[in-house]
């Protein structure tokens, strides 16, 4: 029994949803390798922006602020032992 290998030359394949809207793309590896660094750096920038926005939002979050106040009061005694008082 002899098997033949079919060679397919694929440049790009666009993946669509049921309505025909593009939702993804299949790229050849060499093309993907050229844009991989860009994709990784973009993801990191987006994550940093998301983290900064969460920090900004925390200042207005009553549950976060209540937790912060509780934590500060629990450690108040230790803080007075280890930190010099403000002048």
N, C-alpha and C. Protein backbone atom coordinates (compact mmCIF):
# COMPACT_ATOMS: atom_id res chain seq x y z
N UNK A 1 0.85 -1.18 0.00
CA UNK A 1 0.00 0.00 0.00
C UNK A 1 0.89 1.24 0.00
N UNK A 2 0.62 2.14 -0.88
CA UNK A 2 1.44 3.34 -1.03
C UNK A 2 0.58 4.57 -0.72
N UNK A 3 1.15 5.45 0.12
CA UNK A 3 0.47 6.69 0.46
C UNK A 3 1.11 7.85 -0.27
N UNK A 4 0.31 8.69 -0.80
CA UNK A 4 0.83 9.88 -1.44
C UNK A 4 0.54 11.09 -0.57
N UNK A 5 1.49 11.96 -0.54
CA UNK A 5 1.35 13.16 0.27
C UNK A 5 0.88 14.30 -0.62
N UNK A 6 -0.18 14.95 -0.19
CA UNK A 6 -0.69 16.08 -0.94
C UNK A 6 -0.02 17.34 -0.42
N UNK A 7 0.51 18.11 -1.31
CA UNK A 7 1.16 19.37 -0.93
C UNK A 7 0.19 20.50 -1.23
N UNK A 8 -0.07 21.30 -0.21
CA UNK A 8 -0.97 22.44 -0.37
C UNK A 8 -0.15 23.71 -0.16
N UNK A 9 -0.25 24.59 -1.08
CA UNK A 9 0.45 25.86 -0.96
C UNK A 9 -0.55 26.89 -0.43
N UNK A 10 -0.42 27.22 0.83
CA UNK A 10 -1.37 28.10 1.48
C UNK A 10 -0.69 29.42 1.82
N UNK A 11 -1.22 30.50 1.33
CA UNK A 11 -0.69 31.81 1.70
C UNK A 11 -1.37 32.29 2.97
N UNK A 12 -2.64 32.50 2.93
CA UNK A 12 -3.42 32.92 4.09
C UNK A 12 -4.82 32.36 3.94
N UNK A 13 -5.42 32.08 5.09
CA UNK A 13 -6.81 31.64 5.06
C UNK A 13 -7.58 32.43 6.11
N UNK A 14 -8.61 33.12 5.68
CA UNK A 14 -9.42 33.92 6.59
C UNK A 14 -10.55 33.04 7.14
N UNK A 15 -10.72 33.09 8.43
CA UNK A 15 -11.78 32.33 9.11
C UNK A 15 -12.94 33.28 9.38
N UNK A 16 -14.14 32.86 9.03
CA UNK A 16 -15.32 33.71 9.22
C UNK A 16 -16.32 33.02 10.14
N UNK A 17 -17.19 33.85 10.73
CA UNK A 17 -18.27 33.28 11.54
C UNK A 17 -19.44 32.91 10.63
N UNK A 18 -20.54 32.50 11.22
CA UNK A 18 -21.70 32.06 10.43
C UNK A 18 -22.29 33.16 9.56
N UNK A 19 -22.07 34.41 9.96
CA UNK A 19 -22.59 35.54 9.18
C UNK A 19 -21.61 36.04 8.13
N UNK A 20 -20.45 35.39 8.03
CA UNK A 20 -19.47 35.79 7.03
C UNK A 20 -18.50 36.87 7.50
N UNK A 21 -18.57 37.25 8.78
CA UNK A 21 -17.65 38.26 9.33
C UNK A 21 -16.30 37.62 9.63
N UNK A 22 -15.21 38.27 9.23
CA UNK A 22 -13.89 37.71 9.52
C UNK A 22 -13.62 37.73 11.03
N UNK A 23 -13.17 36.59 11.57
CA UNK A 23 -12.88 36.48 13.01
C UNK A 23 -11.46 35.99 13.27
N UNK A 24 -10.76 35.56 12.26
CA UNK A 24 -9.40 35.07 12.45
C UNK A 24 -8.73 34.83 11.12
N UNK A 25 -7.45 34.46 11.21
CA UNK A 25 -6.69 34.19 10.00
C UNK A 25 -5.64 33.13 10.28
N UNK A 26 -5.44 32.26 9.33
CA UNK A 26 -4.37 31.27 9.40
C UNK A 26 -3.24 31.78 8.51
N UNK A 27 -2.05 31.90 9.11
CA UNK A 27 -0.89 32.40 8.38
C UNK A 27 0.16 31.30 8.25
N UNK A 28 0.94 31.33 7.19
CA UNK A 28 2.11 30.46 7.12
C UNK A 28 3.08 30.84 8.25
N UNK A 29 3.83 29.87 8.74
CA UNK A 29 4.71 30.12 9.89
C UNK A 29 5.73 31.23 9.64
N UNK A 30 6.29 31.31 8.44
CA UNK A 30 7.28 32.34 8.19
C UNK A 30 6.66 33.74 8.30
N UNK A 31 5.43 33.87 7.88
CA UNK A 31 4.73 35.15 8.00
C UNK A 31 4.42 35.46 9.46
N UNK A 32 3.99 34.44 10.18
CA UNK A 32 3.70 34.62 11.60
C UNK A 32 4.97 35.01 12.36
N UNK A 33 6.10 34.39 12.04
CA UNK A 33 7.36 34.71 12.72
C UNK A 33 7.72 36.18 12.54
N UNK A 34 7.38 36.76 11.40
CA UNK A 34 7.71 38.17 11.15
C UNK A 34 6.89 39.11 12.03
N UNK A 35 5.70 38.71 12.42
CA UNK A 35 4.85 39.62 13.20
C UNK A 35 4.73 39.22 14.67
N UNK A 36 5.33 38.11 15.06
CA UNK A 36 5.19 37.60 16.42
C UNK A 36 5.64 38.62 17.47
N UNK A 37 6.79 39.26 17.27
CA UNK A 37 7.28 40.24 18.25
C UNK A 37 6.32 41.40 18.39
N UNK A 38 5.79 41.85 17.28
CA UNK A 38 4.83 42.95 17.31
C UNK A 38 3.58 42.56 18.10
N UNK A 39 3.09 41.36 17.87
CA UNK A 39 1.90 40.89 18.59
C UNK A 39 2.17 40.80 20.09
N UNK A 40 3.32 40.27 20.46
CA UNK A 40 3.66 40.14 21.88
C UNK A 40 3.81 41.50 22.54
N UNK A 41 4.46 42.45 21.87
CA UNK A 41 4.63 43.77 22.47
C UNK A 41 3.30 44.49 22.58
N UNK A 42 2.42 44.31 21.62
CA UNK A 42 1.10 44.94 21.67
C UNK A 42 0.30 44.38 22.83
N UNK A 43 0.38 43.08 23.06
CA UNK A 43 -0.35 42.47 24.17
C UNK A 43 0.14 43.02 25.50
N UNK A 44 1.45 43.19 25.64
CA UNK A 44 2.01 43.72 26.89
C UNK A 44 1.56 45.15 27.12
N UNK A 45 1.54 45.96 26.05
CA UNK A 45 1.09 47.34 26.18
C UNK A 45 -0.38 47.40 26.60
N UNK A 46 -1.20 46.55 26.00
CA UNK A 46 -2.62 46.50 26.36
C UNK A 46 -2.79 46.08 27.82
N UNK A 47 -2.01 45.09 28.26
CA UNK A 47 -2.10 44.63 29.65
C UNK A 47 -1.70 45.73 30.61
N UNK A 48 -0.64 46.47 30.26
CA UNK A 48 -0.21 47.58 31.12
C UNK A 48 -1.29 48.64 31.23
N UNK A 49 -1.90 48.98 30.11
CA UNK A 49 -2.98 49.97 30.12
C UNK A 49 -4.16 49.47 30.95
N UNK A 50 -4.48 48.19 30.83
CA UNK A 50 -5.57 47.61 31.61
C UNK A 50 -5.26 47.67 33.10
N UNK A 51 -4.02 47.34 33.47
CA UNK A 51 -3.63 47.38 34.88
C UNK A 51 -3.70 48.80 35.42
N UNK A 52 -3.20 49.76 34.66
CA UNK A 52 -3.26 51.15 35.10
C UNK A 52 -4.70 51.62 35.28
N UNK A 53 -5.57 51.21 34.39
CA UNK A 53 -6.98 51.59 34.52
C UNK A 53 -7.61 50.97 35.76
N UNK A 54 -7.27 49.72 36.06
CA UNK A 54 -7.77 49.08 37.27
C UNK A 54 -7.29 49.80 38.53
N UNK A 55 -6.04 50.23 38.52
CA UNK A 55 -5.51 50.97 39.67
C UNK A 55 -6.25 52.29 39.84
N UNK A 56 -6.48 52.98 38.73
CA UNK A 56 -7.23 54.24 38.79
C UNK A 56 -8.65 54.02 39.30
N UNK A 57 -9.28 52.95 38.84
CA UNK A 57 -10.64 52.65 39.28
C UNK A 57 -10.70 52.28 40.76
N UNK A 58 -9.64 51.68 41.29
CA UNK A 58 -9.62 51.26 42.68
C UNK A 58 -9.80 52.44 43.63
N UNK A 59 -9.31 53.60 43.24
CA UNK A 59 -9.42 54.79 44.09
C UNK A 59 -10.88 55.20 44.31
N UNK A 60 -11.78 54.73 43.48
CA UNK A 60 -13.21 55.05 43.62
C UNK A 60 -14.05 53.84 44.01
N UNK A 61 -13.41 52.73 44.31
CA UNK A 61 -14.13 51.51 44.65
C UNK A 61 -14.31 51.43 46.16
N UNK A 62 -15.55 51.54 46.66
CA UNK A 62 -15.76 51.56 48.10
C UNK A 62 -15.30 50.27 48.80
N UNK A 63 -15.43 49.12 48.15
CA UNK A 63 -14.98 47.87 48.77
C UNK A 63 -13.46 47.84 48.89
N UNK A 64 -12.78 48.31 47.85
CA UNK A 64 -11.32 48.36 47.90
C UNK A 64 -10.86 49.32 49.00
N UNK A 65 -11.48 50.48 49.06
CA UNK A 65 -11.09 51.48 50.06
C UNK A 65 -11.36 50.98 51.48
N UNK A 66 -12.48 50.28 51.68
CA UNK A 66 -12.78 49.72 53.00
C UNK A 66 -11.74 48.66 53.37
N UNK A 67 -11.35 47.83 52.43
CA UNK A 67 -10.33 46.82 52.67
C UNK A 67 -9.00 47.47 53.00
N UNK A 68 -8.67 48.52 52.27
CA UNK A 68 -7.43 49.25 52.51
C UNK A 68 -7.41 49.86 53.92
N UNK A 69 -8.51 50.49 54.32
CA UNK A 69 -8.62 51.07 55.66
C UNK A 69 -8.47 49.99 56.74
N UNK A 70 -9.13 48.84 56.53
CA UNK A 70 -9.05 47.75 57.50
C UNK A 70 -7.62 47.24 57.63
N UNK A 71 -6.96 47.05 56.50
CA UNK A 71 -5.58 46.57 56.52
C UNK A 71 -4.67 47.57 57.21
N UNK A 72 -4.86 48.85 56.92
CA UNK A 72 -4.03 49.88 57.55
C UNK A 72 -4.23 49.90 59.06
N UNK A 73 -5.47 49.73 59.52
CA UNK A 73 -5.72 49.76 60.96
C UNK A 73 -5.13 48.53 61.65
N UNK A 74 -5.16 47.37 60.97
CA UNK A 74 -4.59 46.16 61.55
C UNK A 74 -3.08 46.32 61.76
N UNK A 75 -2.42 46.99 60.85
CA UNK A 75 -0.96 47.13 60.92
C UNK A 75 -0.51 48.44 61.56
N UNK A 76 -1.42 49.21 62.09
CA UNK A 76 -1.07 50.51 62.66
C UNK A 76 -0.05 50.38 63.79
N UNK A 77 -0.24 49.43 64.67
CA UNK A 77 0.69 49.24 65.80
C UNK A 77 2.09 48.90 65.30
N UNK A 78 2.19 47.98 64.37
CA UNK A 78 3.49 47.60 63.82
C UNK A 78 4.12 48.78 63.10
N UNK A 79 3.33 49.54 62.36
CA UNK A 79 3.86 50.70 61.64
C UNK A 79 4.47 51.71 62.60
N UNK A 80 3.82 51.93 63.74
CA UNK A 80 4.37 52.91 64.69
C UNK A 80 5.67 52.42 65.31
N UNK A 81 5.87 51.12 65.39
CA UNK A 81 7.12 50.58 65.93
C UNK A 81 8.27 50.67 64.93
N UNK A 82 7.96 50.58 63.64
CA UNK A 82 9.02 50.49 62.64
C UNK A 82 9.25 51.76 61.83
N UNK A 83 8.32 52.66 61.80
CA UNK A 83 8.46 53.86 60.98
C UNK A 83 8.60 55.08 61.88
N UNK A 84 9.46 55.96 61.48
CA UNK A 84 9.63 57.19 62.24
C UNK A 84 8.39 58.07 62.05
N UNK A 85 7.99 58.77 63.09
CA UNK A 85 6.81 59.63 62.94
C UNK A 85 7.08 60.80 61.99
N UNK A 86 6.04 61.24 61.32
CA UNK A 86 6.16 62.40 60.43
C UNK A 86 6.31 63.65 61.27
N UNK A 87 7.09 64.57 60.78
CA UNK A 87 7.28 65.84 61.51
C UNK A 87 6.31 66.88 61.09
